[in-house]
All heavy atoms as atom14 arrays in JSON, in Angstrom:
{
  "sequence": "GNMAGKTLMLLPGTCCDWQTNFGTVISELAEKYHLICVNYDGFDGSDD",
  "atom14_mask": [
    [1, 1, 1, 1, 0, 0, 0, 0, 0, 0, 0, 0, 0, 0],
    [1, 1, 1, 1, 1, 1, 1, 1, 0, 0, 0, 0, 0, 0],
    [1, 1, 1, 1, 1, 1, 1, 1, 0, 0, 0, 0, 0, 0],
    [1, 1, 1, 1, 1, 0, 0, 0, 0, 0, 0, 0, 0, 0],
    [1, 1, 1, 1, 0, 0, 0, 0, 0, 0, 0, 0, 0, 0],
    [1, 1, 1, 1, 1, 1, 1, 1, 1, 0, 0, 0, 0, 0],
    [1, 1, 1, 1, 1, 1, 1, 0, 0, 0, 0, 0, 0, 0],
    [1, 1, 1, 1, 1, 1, 1, 1, 0, 0, 0, 0, 0, 0],
    [1, 1, 1, 1, 1, 1, 1, 1, 0, 0, 0, 0, 0, 0],
    [1, 1, 1, 1, 1, 1, 1, 1, 0, 0, 0, 0, 0, 0],
    [1, 1, 1, 1, 1, 1, 1, 1, 0, 0, 0, 0, 0, 0],
    [1, 1, 1, 1, 1, 1, 1, 0, 0, 0, 0, 0, 0, 0],
    [1, 1, 1, 1, 0, 0, 0, 0, 0, 0, 0, 0, 0, 0],
    [1, 1, 1, 1, 1, 1, 1, 0, 0, 0, 0, 0, 0, 0],
    [1, 1, 1, 1, 1, 1, 0, 0, 0, 0, 0, 0, 0, 0],
    [1, 1, 1, 1, 1, 1, 0, 0, 0, 0, 0, 0, 0, 0],
    [1, 1, 1, 1, 1, 1, 1, 1, 0, 0, 0, 0, 0, 0],
    [1, 1, 1, 1, 1, 1, 1, 1, 1, 1, 1, 1, 1, 1],
    [1, 1, 1, 1, 1, 1, 1, 1, 1, 0, 0, 0, 0, 0],
    [1, 1, 1, 1, 1, 1, 1, 0, 0, 0, 0, 0, 0, 0],
    [1, 1, 1, 1, 1, 1, 1, 1, 0, 0, 0, 0, 0, 0],
    [1, 1, 1, 1, 1, 1, 1, 1, 1, 1, 1, 0, 0, 0],
    [1, 1, 1, 1, 0, 0, 0, 0, 0, 0, 0, 0, 0, 0],
    [1, 1, 1, 1, 1, 1, 1, 0, 0, 0, 0, 0, 0, 0],
    [1, 1, 1, 1, 1, 1, 1, 0, 0, 0, 0, 0, 0, 0],
    [1, 1, 1, 1, 1, 1, 1, 1, 0, 0, 0, 0, 0, 0],
    [1, 1, 1, 1, 1, 1, 0, 0, 0, 0, 0, 0, 0, 0],
    [1, 1, 1, 1, 1, 1, 1, 1, 1, 0, 0, 0, 0, 0],
    [1, 1, 1, 1, 1, 1, 1, 1, 0, 0, 0, 0, 0, 0],
    [1, 1, 1, 1, 1, 0, 0, 0, 0, 0, 0, 0, 0, 0],
    [1, 1, 1, 1, 1, 1, 1, 1, 1, 0, 0, 0, 0, 0],
    [1, 1, 1, 1, 1, 1, 1, 1, 1, 0, 0, 0, 0, 0],
    [1, 1, 1, 1, 1, 1, 1, 1, 1, 1, 1, 1, 0, 0],
    [1, 1, 1, 1, 1, 1, 1, 1, 1, 1, 0, 0, 0, 0],
    [1, 1, 1, 1, 1, 1, 1, 1, 0, 0, 0, 0, 0, 0],
    [1, 1, 1, 1, 1, 1, 1, 1, 0, 0, 0, 0, 0, 0],
    [1, 1, 1, 1, 1, 1, 0, 0, 0, 0, 0, 0, 0, 0],
    [1, 1, 1, 1, 1, 1, 1, 0, 0, 0, 0, 0, 0, 0],
    [1, 1, 1, 1, 1, 1, 1, 1, 0, 0, 0, 0, 0, 0],
    [1, 1, 1, 1, 1, 1, 1, 1, 1, 1, 1, 1, 0, 0],
    [1, 1, 1, 1, 1, 1, 1, 1, 0, 0, 0, 0, 0, 0],
    [1, 1, 1, 1, 0, 0, 0, 0, 0, 0, 0, 0, 0, 0],
    [1, 1, 1, 1, 1, 1, 1, 1, 1, 1, 1, 0, 0, 0],
    [1, 1, 1, 1, 1, 1, 1, 1, 0, 0, 0, 0, 0, 0],
    [1, 1, 1, 1, 0, 0, 0, 0, 0, 0, 0, 0, 0, 0],
    [1, 1, 1, 1, 1, 1, 0, 0, 0, 0, 0, 0, 0, 0],
    [1, 1, 1, 1, 1, 1, 1, 1, 0, 0, 0, 0, 0, 0],
    [1, 1, 1, 1, 1, 1, 1, 1, 0, 0, 0, 0, 0, 0]
  ],
  "atom14_positions": [
    [[96.97, 104.46, 108.01], [96.87, 103.3, 107.1], [98.17, 102.77, 106.55], [99.22, 102.95, 107.21], [0.0, 0.0, 0.0], [0.0, 0.0, 0.0], [0.0, 0.0, 0.0], [0.0, 0.0, 0.0], [0.0, 0.0, 0.0], [0.0, 0.0, 0.0], [0.0, 0.0, 0.0], [0.0, 0.0, 0.0], [0.0, 0.0, 0.0], [0.0, 0.0, 0.0]],
    [[98.1, 102.21, 105.4], [99.27, 101.61, 104.68], [99.99, 102.78, 104.02], [99.72, 103.19, 102.92], [98.76, 100.65, 103.72], [99.94, 100.02, 102.88], [101.17, 100.31, 103.09], [99.63, 99.09, 102.01], [0.0, 0.0, 0.0], [0.0, 0.0, 0.0], [0.0, 0.0, 0.0], [0.0, 0.0, 0.0], [0.0, 0.0, 0.0], [0.0, 0.0, 0.0]],
    [[101.04, 103.23, 104.65], [101.75, 104.44, 104.18], [102.51, 104.16, 102.88], [103.03, 105.08, 102.17], [102.74, 105.02, 105.25], [102.1, 105.28, 106.52], [100.56, 106.31, 106.47], [101.31, 107.88, 106.35], [0.0, 0.0, 0.0], [0.0, 0.0, 0.0], [0.0, 0.0, 0.0], [0.0, 0.0, 0.0], [0.0, 0.0, 0.0], [0.0, 0.0, 0.0]],
    [[102.69, 102.86, 102.53], [103.27, 102.52, 101.2], [102.23, 102.34, 100.1], [102.54, 102.14, 98.91], [104.05, 101.23, 101.3], [0.0, 0.0, 0.0], [0.0, 0.0, 0.0], [0.0, 0.0, 0.0], [0.0, 0.0, 0.0], [0.0, 0.0, 0.0], [0.0, 0.0, 0.0], [0.0, 0.0, 0.0], [0.0, 0.0, 0.0], [0.0, 0.0, 0.0]],
    [[100.92, 102.47, 100.44], [99.85, 102.27, 99.46], [99.56, 103.62, 98.77], [100.11, 104.63, 98.95], [0.0, 0.0, 0.0], [0.0, 0.0, 0.0], [0.0, 0.0, 0.0], [0.0, 0.0, 0.0], [0.0, 0.0, 0.0], [0.0, 0.0, 0.0], [0.0, 0.0, 0.0], [0.0, 0.0, 0.0], [0.0, 0.0, 0.0], [0.0, 0.0, 0.0]],
    [[98.63, 103.52, 97.87], [98.22, 104.69, 97.13], [97.49, 105.61, 98.03], [96.81, 105.25, 99.05], [97.18, 104.29, 96.02], [97.87, 103.46, 94.87], [96.84, 103.16, 93.75], [97.56, 102.44, 92.63], [96.54, 102.11, 91.57], [0.0, 0.0, 0.0], [0.0, 0.0, 0.0], [0.0, 0.0, 0.0], [0.0, 0.0, 0.0], [0.0, 0.0, 0.0]],
    [[97.65, 106.96, 97.78], [97.0, 107.94, 98.62], [95.51, 108.09, 98.24], [95.06, 108.14, 97.17], [97.62, 109.3, 98.4], [97.69, 109.63, 96.94], [99.06, 109.39, 99.0], [0.0, 0.0, 0.0], [0.0, 0.0, 0.0], [0.0, 0.0, 0.0], [0.0, 0.0, 0.0], [0.0, 0.0, 0.0], [0.0, 0.0, 0.0], [0.0, 0.0, 0.0]],
    [[94.64, 108.13, 99.35], [93.21, 108.2, 99.22], [92.67, 109.13, 100.29], [92.78, 108.87, 101.5], [92.59, 106.75, 99.33], [91.08, 106.72, 99.27], [90.65, 107.23, 97.85], [90.53, 105.28, 99.51], [0.0, 0.0, 0.0], [0.0, 0.0, 0.0], [0.0, 0.0, 0.0], [0.0, 0.0, 0.0], [0.0, 0.0, 0.0], [0.0, 0.0, 0.0]],
    [[92.19, 110.26, 99.92], [91.64, 111.27, 100.77], [90.18, 110.9, 101.08], [89.34, 110.63, 100.15], [91.77, 112.62, 100.23], [91.24, 113.74, 101.12], [91.66, 115.42, 100.51], [93.27, 115.61, 101.16], [0.0, 0.0, 0.0], [0.0, 0.0, 0.0], [0.0, 0.0, 0.0], [0.0, 0.0, 0.0], [0.0, 0.0, 0.0], [0.0, 0.0, 0.0]],
    [[89.8, 110.94, 102.32], [88.46, 110.77, 102.79], [87.77, 112.0, 103.23], [88.3, 112.73, 104.12], [88.4, 109.74, 103.99], [89.09, 108.38, 103.79], [88.89, 107.51, 104.96], [88.54, 107.76, 102.51], [0.0, 0.0, 0.0], [0.0, 0.0, 0.0], [0.0, 0.0, 0.0], [0.0, 0.0, 0.0], [0.0, 0.0, 0.0], [0.0, 0.0, 0.0]],
    [[86.65, 112.44, 102.58], [85.99, 113.7, 102.78], [84.57, 113.43, 103.34], [83.73, 112.9, 102.48], [85.99, 114.51, 101.56], [87.39, 114.97, 101.03], [87.43, 115.2, 99.54], [87.77, 116.14, 101.85], [0.0, 0.0, 0.0], [0.0, 0.0, 0.0], [0.0, 0.0, 0.0], [0.0, 0.0, 0.0], [0.0, 0.0, 0.0], [0.0, 0.0, 0.0]],
    [[84.29, 113.59, 104.6], [82.96, 113.29, 105.09], [81.88, 114.2, 104.65], [82.08, 115.27, 104.09], [83.17, 113.45, 106.67], [84.37, 114.46, 106.82], [85.19, 114.25, 105.57], [0.0, 0.0, 0.0], [0.0, 0.0, 0.0], [0.0, 0.0, 0.0], [0.0, 0.0, 0.0], [0.0, 0.0, 0.0], [0.0, 0.0, 0.0], [0.0, 0.0, 0.0]],
    [[80.6, 113.73, 104.98], [79.43, 114.46, 104.56], [78.85, 115.41, 105.6], [79.51, 115.72, 106.56], [0.0, 0.0, 0.0], [0.0, 0.0, 0.0], [0.0, 0.0, 0.0], [0.0, 0.0, 0.0], [0.0, 0.0, 0.0], [0.0, 0.0, 0.0], [0.0, 0.0, 0.0], [0.0, 0.0, 0.0], [0.0, 0.0, 0.0], [0.0, 0.0, 0.0]],
    [[77.67, 115.89, 105.35], [77.03, 116.87, 106.18], [76.97, 116.43, 107.64], [76.62, 115.36, 107.98], [75.62, 117.17, 105.7], [75.57, 117.44, 104.33], [74.95, 118.27, 106.42], [0.0, 0.0, 0.0], [0.0, 0.0, 0.0], [0.0, 0.0, 0.0], [0.0, 0.0, 0.0], [0.0, 0.0, 0.0], [0.0, 0.0, 0.0], [0.0, 0.0, 0.0]],
    [[77.37, 117.43, 108.54], [77.26, 117.22, 110.01], [78.16, 116.08, 110.52], [77.93, 115.51, 111.58], [75.86, 116.96, 110.43], [74.72, 118.16, 110.03], [0.0, 0.0, 0.0], [0.0, 0.0, 0.0], [0.0, 0.0, 0.0], [0.0, 0.0, 0.0], [0.0, 0.0, 0.0], [0.0, 0.0, 0.0], [0.0, 0.0, 0.0], [0.0, 0.0, 0.0]],
    [[79.19, 115.73, 109.74], [80.0, 114.48, 110.18], [81.46, 114.85, 110.3], [82.02, 115.61, 109.51], [79.77, 113.36, 109.27], [78.35, 112.26, 109.66], [0.0, 0.0, 0.0], [0.0, 0.0, 0.0], [0.0, 0.0, 0.0], [0.0, 0.0, 0.0], [0.0, 0.0, 0.0], [0.0, 0.0, 0.0], [0.0, 0.0, 0.0], [0.0, 0.0, 0.0]],
    [[82.13, 114.06, 111.13], [83.59, 113.99, 111.11], [83.91, 112.71, 110.41], [83.11, 111.85, 110.32], [84.22, 114.15, 112.5], [83.57, 113.17, 113.53], [83.03, 112.07, 113.12], [83.59, 113.49, 114.7], [0.0, 0.0, 0.0], [0.0, 0.0, 0.0], [0.0, 0.0, 0.0], [0.0, 0.0, 0.0], [0.0, 0.0, 0.0], [0.0, 0.0, 0.0]],
    [[85.28, 112.49, 110.04], [85.52, 111.29, 109.35], [85.54, 110.07, 110.21], [85.21, 108.94, 109.73], [86.98, 111.37, 108.68], [88.17, 111.43, 109.62], [88.81, 112.56, 110.03], [88.8, 110.36, 110.29], [89.87, 112.2, 110.91], [89.84, 110.83, 111.05], [88.68, 108.97, 110.2], [90.73, 110.09, 111.77], [89.5, 108.12, 110.97], [90.5, 108.69, 111.76]],
    [[85.7, 110.2, 111.52], [85.68, 109.13, 112.41], [84.31, 108.48, 112.43], [84.24, 107.2, 112.56], [86.06, 109.54, 113.85], [87.58, 110.0, 114.05], [87.78, 111.49, 113.78], [87.0, 112.11, 113.12], [88.79, 111.98, 114.33], [0.0, 0.0, 0.0], [0.0, 0.0, 0.0], [0.0, 0.0, 0.0], [0.0, 0.0, 0.0], [0.0, 0.0, 0.0]],
    [[83.24, 109.27, 112.4], [81.96, 108.71, 112.33], [81.53, 108.28, 110.96], [81.02, 107.17, 110.75], [80.97, 109.76, 112.93], [81.35, 110.19, 114.23], [79.56, 109.17, 112.9], [0.0, 0.0, 0.0], [0.0, 0.0, 0.0], [0.0, 0.0, 0.0], [0.0, 0.0, 0.0], [0.0, 0.0, 0.0], [0.0, 0.0, 0.0], [0.0, 0.0, 0.0]],
    [[81.69, 109.15, 110.09], [81.31, 108.91, 108.66], [81.83, 107.58, 108.08], [81.14, 106.79, 107.44], [81.66, 110.11, 107.79], [80.77, 110.22, 106.57], [80.58, 111.3, 106.05], [80.2, 109.15, 106.02], [0.0, 0.0, 0.0], [0.0, 0.0, 0.0], [0.0, 0.0, 0.0], [0.0, 0.0, 0.0], [0.0, 0.0, 0.0], [0.0, 0.0, 0.0]],
    [[83.16, 107.44, 108.19], [83.88, 106.26, 107.63], [84.21, 105.23, 108.64], [85.02, 104.31, 108.35], [85.13, 106.77, 106.93], [84.79, 107.59, 105.71], [84.99, 109.0, 105.82], [84.5, 107.08, 104.49], [84.74, 109.8, 104.69], [84.24, 107.87, 103.42], [84.37, 109.25, 103.55], [0.0, 0.0, 0.0], [0.0, 0.0, 0.0], [0.0, 0.0, 0.0]],
    [[83.71, 105.31, 109.82], [84.07, 104.54, 111.05], [83.93, 102.96, 110.79], [84.73, 102.23, 111.27], [0.0, 0.0, 0.0], [0.0, 0.0, 0.0], [0.0, 0.0, 0.0], [0.0, 0.0, 0.0], [0.0, 0.0, 0.0], [0.0, 0.0, 0.0], [0.0, 0.0, 0.0], [0.0, 0.0, 0.0], [0.0, 0.0, 0.0], [0.0, 0.0, 0.0]],
    [[82.9, 102.62, 110.08], [82.65, 101.16, 109.78], [83.53, 100.54, 108.71], [83.6, 99.34, 108.63], [81.18, 100.93, 109.45], [80.89, 101.59, 108.21], [80.22, 101.46, 110.48], [0.0, 0.0, 0.0], [0.0, 0.0, 0.0], [0.0, 0.0, 0.0], [0.0, 0.0, 0.0], [0.0, 0.0, 0.0], [0.0, 0.0, 0.0], [0.0, 0.0, 0.0]],
    [[84.23, 101.38, 107.95], [84.99, 100.84, 106.87], [86.48, 101.28, 106.94], [87.19, 100.89, 106.08], [84.45, 101.21, 105.39], [83.05, 100.61, 105.31], [84.39, 102.73, 105.25], [0.0, 0.0, 0.0], [0.0, 0.0, 0.0], [0.0, 0.0, 0.0], [0.0, 0.0, 0.0], [0.0, 0.0, 0.0], [0.0, 0.0, 0.0], [0.0, 0.0, 0.0]],
    [[86.82, 102.06, 107.96], [88.21, 102.63, 108.01], [89.24, 101.53, 108.09], [90.35, 101.65, 107.41], [88.28, 103.65, 109.13], [89.41, 104.57, 108.87], [88.34, 102.95, 110.5], [89.19, 105.56, 107.86], [0.0, 0.0, 0.0], [0.0, 0.0, 0.0], [0.0, 0.0, 0.0], [0.0, 0.0, 0.0], [0.0, 0.0, 0.0], [0.0, 0.0, 0.0]],
    [[88.97, 100.47, 108.84], [90.02, 99.42, 108.93], [90.25, 98.77, 107.61], [91.47, 98.46, 107.3], [89.58, 98.42, 110.05], [88.39, 97.75, 109.69], [0.0, 0.0, 0.0], [0.0, 0.0, 0.0], [0.0, 0.0, 0.0], [0.0, 0.0, 0.0], [0.0, 0.0, 0.0], [0.0, 0.0, 0.0], [0.0, 0.0, 0.0], [0.0, 0.0, 0.0]],
    [[89.18, 98.49, 106.83], [89.38, 97.84, 105.63], [90.12, 98.71, 104.56], [91.09, 98.31, 103.86], [88.08, 97.47, 104.94], [87.38, 96.32, 105.67], [86.44, 96.72, 106.72], [86.66, 97.87, 107.27], [85.56, 95.95, 107.11], [0.0, 0.0, 0.0], [0.0, 0.0, 0.0], [0.0, 0.0, 0.0], [0.0, 0.0, 0.0], [0.0, 0.0, 0.0]],
    [[89.83, 100.01, 104.51], [90.49, 100.96, 103.72], [91.97, 101.15, 104.08], [92.82, 101.26, 103.25], [89.76, 102.35, 103.73], [88.4, 102.36, 103.08], [87.67, 103.65, 103.35], [88.55, 102.08, 101.54], [0.0, 0.0, 0.0], [0.0, 0.0, 0.0], [0.0, 0.0, 0.0], [0.0, 0.0, 0.0], [0.0, 0.0, 0.0], [0.0, 0.0, 0.0]],
    [[92.19, 101.13, 105.42], [93.53, 101.43, 105.9], [94.5, 100.24, 105.61], [95.73, 100.49, 105.52], [93.52, 101.7, 107.41], [0.0, 0.0, 0.0], [0.0, 0.0, 0.0], [0.0, 0.0, 0.0], [0.0, 0.0, 0.0], [0.0, 0.0, 0.0], [0.0, 0.0, 0.0], [0.0, 0.0, 0.0], [0.0, 0.0, 0.0], [0.0, 0.0, 0.0]],
    [[93.96, 99.1, 105.35], [94.89, 97.95, 105.01], [95.57, 98.14, 103.7], [96.71, 97.77, 103.51], [94.11, 96.61, 104.99], [93.66, 96.11, 106.37], [92.85, 94.81, 106.17], [92.77, 94.31, 105.09], [92.31, 94.36, 107.26], [0.0, 0.0, 0.0], [0.0, 0.0, 0.0], [0.0, 0.0, 0.0], [0.0, 0.0, 0.0], [0.0, 0.0, 0.0]],
    [[94.94, 98.78, 102.74], [95.45, 98.99, 101.45], [95.99, 100.36, 101.05], [96.91, 100.54, 100.25], [94.35, 98.63, 100.4], [94.02, 97.16, 100.33], [93.01, 96.86, 99.24], [92.66, 95.36, 99.17], [91.71, 95.06, 98.09], [0.0, 0.0, 0.0], [0.0, 0.0, 0.0], [0.0, 0.0, 0.0], [0.0, 0.0, 0.0], [0.0, 0.0, 0.0]],
    [[95.34, 101.36, 101.72], [95.61, 102.72, 101.29], [96.25, 103.62, 102.33], [96.05, 103.43, 103.49], [94.27, 103.38, 100.82], [93.58, 102.6, 99.67], [92.48, 101.93, 99.97], [94.23, 102.58, 98.45], [91.86, 101.16, 98.9], [93.62, 101.87, 97.43], [92.46, 101.11, 97.68], [91.85, 100.41, 96.64], [0.0, 0.0, 0.0], [0.0, 0.0, 0.0]],
    [[97.01, 104.56, 101.85], [97.57, 105.66, 102.58], [96.44, 106.73, 102.72], [96.17, 107.46, 101.77], [98.81, 106.24, 101.92], [99.35, 107.46, 102.57], [100.63, 108.01, 102.28], [98.93, 108.34, 103.53], [100.84, 109.08, 102.93], [99.71, 109.27, 103.77], [0.0, 0.0, 0.0], [0.0, 0.0, 0.0], [0.0, 0.0, 0.0], [0.0, 0.0, 0.0]],
    [[95.72, 106.66, 103.78], [94.56, 107.55, 104.0], [94.85, 108.82, 104.47], [95.69, 109.07, 105.39], [93.55, 106.86, 104.93], [93.0, 105.41, 104.51], [92.12, 104.86, 105.61], [92.28, 105.47, 103.2], [0.0, 0.0, 0.0], [0.0, 0.0, 0.0], [0.0, 0.0, 0.0], [0.0, 0.0, 0.0], [0.0, 0.0, 0.0], [0.0, 0.0, 0.0]],
    [[94.16, 109.86, 103.9], [94.34, 111.24, 104.42], [92.84, 111.63, 104.79], [92.06, 111.84, 103.99], [94.81, 112.2, 103.3], [96.15, 111.66, 102.62], [94.9, 113.61, 103.78], [96.48, 112.24, 101.31], [0.0, 0.0, 0.0], [0.0, 0.0, 0.0], [0.0, 0.0, 0.0], [0.0, 0.0, 0.0], [0.0, 0.0, 0.0], [0.0, 0.0, 0.0]],
    [[92.66, 111.63, 106.1], [91.33, 111.8, 106.67], [91.12, 113.31, 107.03], [91.9, 113.85, 107.79], [91.11, 110.92, 107.84], [91.51, 109.21, 107.53], [0.0, 0.0, 0.0], [0.0, 0.0, 0.0], [0.0, 0.0, 0.0], [0.0, 0.0, 0.0], [0.0, 0.0, 0.0], [0.0, 0.0, 0.0], [0.0, 0.0, 0.0], [0.0, 0.0, 0.0]],
    [[90.02, 113.84, 106.59], [89.82, 115.26, 106.69], [88.56, 115.55, 107.65], [87.56, 114.93, 107.52], [89.6, 115.92, 105.35], [89.42, 117.42, 105.47], [90.74, 115.61, 104.36], [0.0, 0.0, 0.0], [0.0, 0.0, 0.0], [0.0, 0.0, 0.0], [0.0, 0.0, 0.0], [0.0, 0.0, 0.0], [0.0, 0.0, 0.0], [0.0, 0.0, 0.0]],
    [[88.79, 116.52, 108.57], [87.72, 117.1, 109.24], [87.74, 118.61, 108.96], [88.75, 119.28, 109.25], [87.79, 116.83, 110.8], [87.34, 115.46, 111.15], [86.53, 114.84, 110.46], [87.92, 114.9, 112.27], [0.0, 0.0, 0.0], [0.0, 0.0, 0.0], [0.0, 0.0, 0.0], [0.0, 0.0, 0.0], [0.0, 0.0, 0.0], [0.0, 0.0, 0.0]],
    [[86.58, 119.13, 108.61], [86.51, 120.58, 108.2], [86.49, 121.45, 109.4], [86.12, 121.0, 110.48], [85.22, 120.73, 107.4], [84.94, 119.69, 106.31], [83.67, 119.04, 106.32], [85.91, 119.3, 105.45], [83.46, 118.08, 105.38], [85.72, 118.27, 104.49], [84.44, 117.68, 104.51], [84.12, 116.67, 103.59], [0.0, 0.0, 0.0], [0.0, 0.0, 0.0]],
    [[86.73, 122.75, 109.21], [86.52, 123.74, 110.25], [85.04, 123.64, 110.76], [84.12, 123.4, 110.03], [86.66, 125.14, 109.64], [88.11, 125.51, 109.35], [89.02, 124.9, 109.94], [88.32, 126.24, 108.4], [0.0, 0.0, 0.0], [0.0, 0.0, 0.0], [0.0, 0.0, 0.0], [0.0, 0.0, 0.0], [0.0, 0.0, 0.0], [0.0, 0.0, 0.0]],
    [[84.95, 123.63, 112.08], [83.67, 123.44, 112.71], [83.3, 122.13, 113.0], [82.3, 121.81, 113.75], [0.0, 0.0, 0.0], [0.0, 0.0, 0.0], [0.0, 0.0, 0.0], [0.0, 0.0, 0.0], [0.0, 0.0, 0.0], [0.0, 0.0, 0.0], [0.0, 0.0, 0.0], [0.0, 0.0, 0.0], [0.0, 0.0, 0.0], [0.0, 0.0, 0.0]],
    [[83.98, 121.09, 112.41], [83.73, 119.68, 112.56], [84.96, 118.96, 113.03], [85.12, 117.77, 112.87], [83.16, 119.09, 111.34], [81.87, 119.85, 110.85], [81.9, 120.84, 110.02], [80.62, 119.39, 111.37], [80.76, 121.49, 109.64], [79.44, 120.05, 111.03], [79.54, 121.15, 110.12], [0.0, 0.0, 0.0], [0.0, 0.0, 0.0], [0.0, 0.0, 0.0]],
    [[85.92, 119.7, 113.48], [87.27, 119.16, 113.83], [87.61, 119.21, 115.35], [88.74, 118.94, 115.7], [88.39, 119.91, 113.01], [88.36, 121.46, 113.37], [87.47, 121.92, 114.07], [89.28, 122.1, 112.84], [0.0, 0.0, 0.0], [0.0, 0.0, 0.0], [0.0, 0.0, 0.0], [0.0, 0.0, 0.0], [0.0, 0.0, 0.0], [0.0, 0.0, 0.0]],
    [[86.59, 119.49, 116.14], [86.83, 119.53, 117.64], [87.35, 120.89, 118.1], [87.46, 121.09, 119.28], [0.0, 0.0, 0.0], [0.0, 0.0, 0.0], [0.0, 0.0, 0.0], [0.0, 0.0, 0.0], [0.0, 0.0, 0.0], [0.0, 0.0, 0.0], [0.0, 0.0, 0.0], [0.0, 0.0, 0.0], [0.0, 0.0, 0.0], [0.0, 0.0, 0.0]],
    [[87.53, 121.91, 117.13], [87.9, 123.28, 117.53], [86.73, 124.1, 117.79], [85.56, 123.69, 117.52], [88.84, 123.79, 116.52], [88.05, 124.1, 115.31], [0.0, 0.0, 0.0], [0.0, 0.0, 0.0], [0.0, 0.0, 0.0], [0.0, 0.0, 0.0], [0.0, 0.0, 0.0], [0.0, 0.0, 0.0], [0.0, 0.0, 0.0], [0.0, 0.0, 0.0]],
    [[86.93, 125.36, 118.16], [85.85, 126.26, 118.34], [85.55, 127.02, 117.08], [84.76, 127.99, 116.96], [86.15, 127.25, 119.44], [86.2, 126.61, 120.83], [85.44, 125.66, 121.01], [86.98, 127.02, 121.64], [0.0, 0.0, 0.0], [0.0, 0.0, 0.0], [0.0, 0.0, 0.0], [0.0, 0.0, 0.0], [0.0, 0.0, 0.0], [0.0, 0.0, 0.0]],
    [[86.3, 126.67, 115.99], [86.06, 127.42, 114.7], [84.7, 127.12, 114.13], [84.05, 126.06, 114.42], [87.12, 126.95, 113.6], [88.5, 127.41, 114.05], [88.63, 128.38, 114.76], [89.49, 126.76, 113.54], [0.0, 0.0, 0.0], [0.0, 0.0, 0.0], [0.0, 0.0, 0.0], [0.0, 0.0, 0.0], [0.0, 0.0, 0.0], [0.0, 0.0, 0.0]]
  ]
}
């Protein structure tokens, strides 16, 4: 996102990764904010 903007961490909900959970609004948020997008263990593409 906007690396000069305010920091905003995105934390997805049950059974979701951030790409799906925030996928419909990520472009709008990225225009203004320095986004820190989180995928938890087990939901990050790893075998954890």
